[in-house]
Amino acid sequence: MTEGDGISYPSWTSDSRFIDYNDMSSSRYCKRIMVGETHPQEVTNLKGLRSRGTDLGEWSGLTPENSRLFVWDTSVQEIYALDVEWP
């Protein structure tokens, strides 16, 4: 997979000078590229992040102060049953 194949959820920074995006190829980094440039910089390593994926990839975004936002998956795969006998 090339980097272009794994880009998800691009977001403009508040000053409109950069675009942040998730690189979901084998490197799994949040990256930032300056408009007009060709080489992005790695911002955050996403390996080990238990994020919730969708058909469009793993969502992330930016706050107005350009802090990163991620959806954290805290769900479990186990199924439990609870039998209750009420008085």
Protein backbone atom coordinates (compact mmCIF):
# COMPACT_ATOMS: atom_id res chain seq x y z
CA MET A 1 0.00 0.00 0.00
CA THR A 2 1.34 3.43 -0.84
CA GLU A 3 0.82 6.45 1.38
CA GLY A 4 -1.86 7.79 -0.95
CA ASP A 5 -3.86 4.60 -0.48
CA GLY A 6 -4.04 5.00 3.28
CA ILE A 7 -5.03 8.64 3.79
CA SER A 8 -8.13 9.17 5.91
CA TYR A 9 -9.95 12.14 7.42
CA PRO A 10 -7.85 15.10 6.25
CA SER A 11 -8.38 18.26 8.33
CA TRP A 12 -7.28 21.85 7.75
CA THR A 13 -5.43 23.50 10.61
CA SER A 14 -7.04 26.66 11.98
CA ASP A 15 -4.57 28.90 10.11
CA SER A 16 -5.21 27.02 6.80
CA ARG A 17 -1.48 26.50 6.29
CA PHE A 18 -1.43 22.74 6.91
CA ILE A 19 -3.52 19.64 6.33
CA ASP A 20 -3.42 16.92 8.99
CA TYR A 21 -4.42 13.39 8.06
CA ASN A 22 -4.13 9.77 9.17
CA ASP A 23 -1.72 7.62 7.18
CA MET A 24 -3.26 4.19 7.62
CA SER A 25 -0.65 2.37 5.52
CA SER A 26 1.89 0.22 7.31
CA SER A 27 3.47 3.25 9.05
CA ARG A 28 0.23 4.26 10.88
CA TYR A 29 1.04 7.87 11.69
CA CYS A 30 -0.93 11.06 11.95
CA LYS A 31 0.87 13.34 9.52
CA ARG A 32 0.85 17.03 8.63
CA ILE A 33 1.77 18.60 5.33
CA MET A 34 2.17 22.29 4.56
CA VAL A 35 0.20 23.54 1.58
CA GLY A 36 2.54 23.63 -1.41
CA GLU A 37 5.00 21.12 0.07
CA THR A 38 5.49 17.50 -1.02
CA HIS A 39 6.93 15.86 2.11
CA PRO A 40 4.69 15.46 5.17
CA GLN A 41 5.98 15.39 8.73
CA GLU A 42 4.99 12.72 11.24
CA VAL A 43 2.97 14.16 14.11
CA THR A 44 1.70 11.20 16.15
CA ASN A 45 2.35 7.47 16.04
CA LEU A 46 -1.00 5.65 15.83
CA LYS A 47 0.35 2.14 16.49
CA GLY A 48 -1.36 0.69 19.53
CA LEU A 49 -4.21 3.22 19.41
CA ARG A 50 -7.44 1.31 19.96
CA SER A 51 -9.51 3.48 17.69
CA ARG A 52 -12.94 2.78 16.33
CA GLY A 53 -12.82 2.25 12.57
CA THR A 54 -15.49 2.83 9.94
CA ASP A 55 -15.69 2.10 6.22
CA LEU A 56 -13.82 5.38 5.72
CA GLY A 57 -11.00 4.54 8.13
CA GLU A 58 -10.32 5.57 11.69
CA TRP A 59 -11.76 9.00 12.47
CA SER A 60 -9.66 11.81 13.83
CA GLY A 61 -9.93 15.57 13.72
CA LEU A 62 -8.59 18.84 15.06
CA THR A 63 -9.81 21.18 17.77
CA PRO A 64 -9.84 24.94 17.07
CA GLU A 65 -6.44 25.04 18.86
CA ASN A 66 -5.13 22.28 16.51
CA SER A 67 -5.01 19.56 19.17
CA ARG A 68 -5.68 16.06 17.82
CA LEU A 69 -8.99 14.29 18.52
CA PHE A 70 -9.38 10.53 18.24
CA VAL A 71 -12.21 8.09 18.86
CA TRP A 72 -11.09 5.49 21.38
CA ASP A 73 -12.66 2.04 21.14
CA THR A 74 -13.43 0.75 24.64
CA SER A 75 -15.91 -1.88 23.54
CA VAL A 76 -15.50 -5.55 24.27
CA GLN A 77 -16.23 -8.61 22.21
CA GLU A 78 -17.52 -10.81 25.04
CA ILE A 79 -21.23 -11.45 25.42
CA TYR A 80 -22.64 -11.92 28.92
CA ALA A 81 -25.98 -13.06 30.20
CA LEU A 82 -27.52 -12.01 33.49
CA ASP A 83 -30.36 -14.00 35.00
CA VAL A 84 -32.24 -12.09 37.68
CA GLU A 85 -35.00 -13.32 39.96
CA TRP A 86 -36.86 -10.30 41.30
CA PRO A 87 -38.67 -10.63 44.66
